[in-house]
Amino acid sequence: MATATEWVLPEKYTDDLKDENGDPMSKSEFKKRQKAAQKAKEAAEKAAKKAADAAAKPPSKKAALLDDSAEEMDPTLYYENRVKAVTAKKARGINPYPHKFEVSSQLPEYIQAFAGLEPGQRLDDVTVSLAGDQVRCVVIQ
């Protein structure tokens, strides 16, 4: 195909219109090329707008919190990414593989203590740690 600098599609179709090779162009071919040129123009405008919006938009809070922004997203590098994450936790003084998980109450105690709450109600000042296997889910009303 010819580039835009070699041959330019005119605004209107005429019977004596020739393509880039000098051959007569049909009206349907003219319309097809006109649509393709319009789509290419719209795609270029959309890409330019998207790039301008991305440049003007400040980085998100989530991106700012992650210190591994240079991390490769290639799935074949999973091991290296995991090692980097574990090393970062160790550097911050967090044990990535804790030996114990502190349990503050058992499930029957939890049910008894919070049975009076309305659905969706939260107690922000209470922290509870539970552990166990979920065999089935039963809704208690």
Protein backbone atom coordinates (compact mmCIF):
# COMPACT_ATOMS: atom_id res chain seq x y z
CA MET A 1 0.00 0.00 0.00
CA ALA A 2 1.09 3.53 -0.59
CA THR A 3 1.81 5.90 2.25
CA ALA A 4 -0.16 9.08 2.83
CA THR A 5 2.65 11.22 1.40
CA GLU A 6 2.60 9.43 -1.98
CA TRP A 7 -1.12 9.44 -2.64
CA VAL A 8 -3.93 11.37 -0.95
CA LEU A 9 -7.59 10.40 -1.08
CA PRO A 10 -9.65 13.30 -2.44
CA GLU A 11 -12.71 14.67 -0.65
CA LYS A 12 -15.25 13.61 -3.30
CA TYR A 13 -15.52 10.77 -5.78
CA THR A 14 -15.31 11.50 -9.50
CA ASP A 15 -15.57 9.09 -12.43
CA ASP A 16 -12.04 9.86 -13.62
CA LEU A 17 -10.48 9.15 -10.18
CA LYS A 18 -7.35 7.00 -10.33
CA ASP A 19 -5.69 5.09 -7.50
CA GLU A 20 -2.00 5.26 -6.56
CA ASN A 21 -1.11 2.86 -9.41
CA GLY A 22 -2.96 4.92 -12.04
CA ASP A 23 -5.81 2.41 -12.36
CA PRO A 24 -9.44 3.61 -12.34
CA MET A 25 -11.00 3.46 -8.87
CA SER A 26 -14.55 2.26 -8.32
CA LYS A 27 -16.93 4.17 -6.12
CA SER A 28 -17.13 1.27 -3.62
CA GLU A 29 -13.32 1.17 -3.39
CA PHE A 30 -13.32 4.94 -2.79
CA LYS A 31 -15.87 4.58 0.02
CA LYS A 32 -13.93 1.70 1.57
CA ARG A 33 -10.73 3.76 1.60
CA GLN A 34 -12.60 6.80 2.90
CA LYS A 35 -13.99 4.76 5.84
CA ALA A 36 -10.57 3.28 6.59
CA ALA A 37 -9.00 6.75 6.59
CA GLN A 38 -11.72 8.05 8.94
CA LYS A 39 -11.23 5.11 11.32
CA ALA A 40 -7.47 5.61 11.33
CA LYS A 41 -7.95 9.31 12.08
CA GLU A 42 -10.35 8.57 14.97
CA ALA A 43 -8.00 5.92 16.38
CA ALA A 44 -5.07 8.37 16.29
CA GLU A 45 -7.16 11.04 18.03
CA LYS A 46 -8.29 8.55 20.67
CA ALA A 47 -4.72 7.38 21.32
CA ALA A 48 -3.50 10.98 21.58
CA LYS A 49 -6.31 11.84 24.03
CA LYS A 50 -5.58 8.73 26.11
CA ALA A 51 -1.88 9.59 26.26
CA ALA A 52 -2.65 13.19 27.25
CA ASP A 53 -5.06 12.04 29.97
CA ALA A 54 -2.52 9.56 31.32
CA ALA A 55 0.18 12.24 31.41
CA ALA A 56 -2.11 14.73 33.16
CA LYS A 57 -3.46 12.21 35.68
CA PRO A 58 -1.44 11.95 38.92
CA PRO A 59 -0.29 8.47 39.94
CA SER A 60 -2.85 6.53 41.96
CA LYS A 61 -2.46 5.94 45.69
CA LYS A 62 -2.17 2.21 45.12
CA ALA A 63 0.72 2.70 42.70
CA ALA A 64 2.40 5.06 45.15
CA LEU A 65 2.15 2.50 47.97
CA LEU A 66 3.76 -0.26 45.96
CA ASP A 67 7.53 0.03 46.09
CA ASP A 68 8.01 -2.68 43.47
CA SER A 69 6.75 -0.55 40.58
CA ALA A 70 9.68 -1.67 38.46
CA GLU A 71 8.66 -5.29 39.00
CA GLU A 72 8.41 -7.37 35.86
CA MET A 73 4.89 -8.60 35.15
CA ASP A 74 6.09 -11.61 33.18
CA PRO A 75 4.52 -14.78 34.65
CA THR A 76 7.71 -16.74 34.00
CA LEU A 77 9.49 -14.53 36.53
CA TYR A 78 7.17 -15.56 39.39
CA TYR A 79 9.99 -17.00 41.50
CA GLU A 80 12.11 -13.87 41.26
CA ASN A 81 9.13 -11.63 42.05
CA ARG A 82 8.19 -13.77 45.06
CA VAL A 83 11.77 -13.69 46.37
CA LYS A 84 11.81 -9.91 45.99
CA ALA A 85 8.52 -9.61 47.95
CA VAL A 86 9.76 -11.85 50.76
CA THR A 87 13.05 -9.95 50.97
CA ALA A 88 11.18 -6.64 51.15
CA LYS A 89 9.03 -7.92 54.04
CA LYS A 90 12.12 -9.12 55.89
CA ALA A 91 13.78 -5.72 55.37
CA ARG A 92 10.76 -4.03 56.99
CA GLY A 93 11.01 -6.39 59.99
CA ILE A 94 7.94 -8.48 59.10
CA ASN A 95 8.21 -12.26 59.23
CA PRO A 96 6.85 -13.47 55.86
CA TYR A 97 6.39 -17.00 57.24
CA PRO A 98 5.04 -16.64 60.79
CA HIS A 99 5.27 -19.72 63.01
CA LYS A 100 2.05 -18.96 64.84
CA PHE A 101 -1.23 -17.22 64.25
CA GLU A 102 -2.69 -15.77 67.43
CA VAL A 103 -6.33 -16.80 67.83
CA SER A 104 -8.35 -14.52 70.12
CA SER A 105 -11.52 -16.62 70.38
CA GLN A 106 -13.14 -19.85 69.28
CA LEU A 107 -16.04 -19.97 66.83
CA PRO A 108 -18.80 -20.68 69.42
CA GLU A 109 -17.58 -17.73 71.53
CA TYR A 110 -17.56 -15.52 68.43
CA ILE A 111 -21.11 -16.47 67.50
CA GLN A 112 -22.33 -15.85 71.04
CA ALA A 113 -20.57 -12.46 71.32
CA PHE A 114 -21.75 -11.05 67.98
CA ALA A 115 -25.15 -12.72 67.48
CA GLY A 116 -26.94 -9.51 68.51
CA LEU A 117 -25.50 -7.42 65.68
CA GLU A 118 -27.70 -6.34 62.79
CA PRO A 119 -26.68 -7.45 59.27
CA GLY A 120 -24.05 -5.03 57.96
CA GLN A 121 -23.33 -3.51 61.38
CA ARG A 122 -19.64 -3.12 62.24
CA LEU A 123 -17.70 -2.71 65.44
CA ASP A 124 -14.60 -0.81 64.40
CA ASP A 125 -13.01 -0.84 67.85
CA VAL A 126 -13.04 -4.66 68.16
CA THR A 127 -10.39 -6.90 66.58
CA VAL A 128 -11.00 -10.64 66.45
CA SER A 129 -8.71 -13.38 65.11
CA LEU A 130 -10.29 -16.71 64.14
CA ALA A 131 -8.74 -19.79 62.61
CA GLY A 132 -10.12 -23.02 61.23
CA ASP A 133 -11.40 -24.82 58.17
CA GLN A 134 -14.62 -23.80 56.47
CA VAL A 135 -16.63 -26.94 55.85
CA ARG A 136 -19.92 -25.27 54.94
CA CYS A 137 -21.51 -21.87 55.19
CA VAL A 138 -24.68 -21.51 57.25
CA VAL A 139 -26.51 -18.21 57.58
CA ILE A 140 -27.73 -17.69 61.14
CA GLN A 141 -30.73 -15.42 61.49
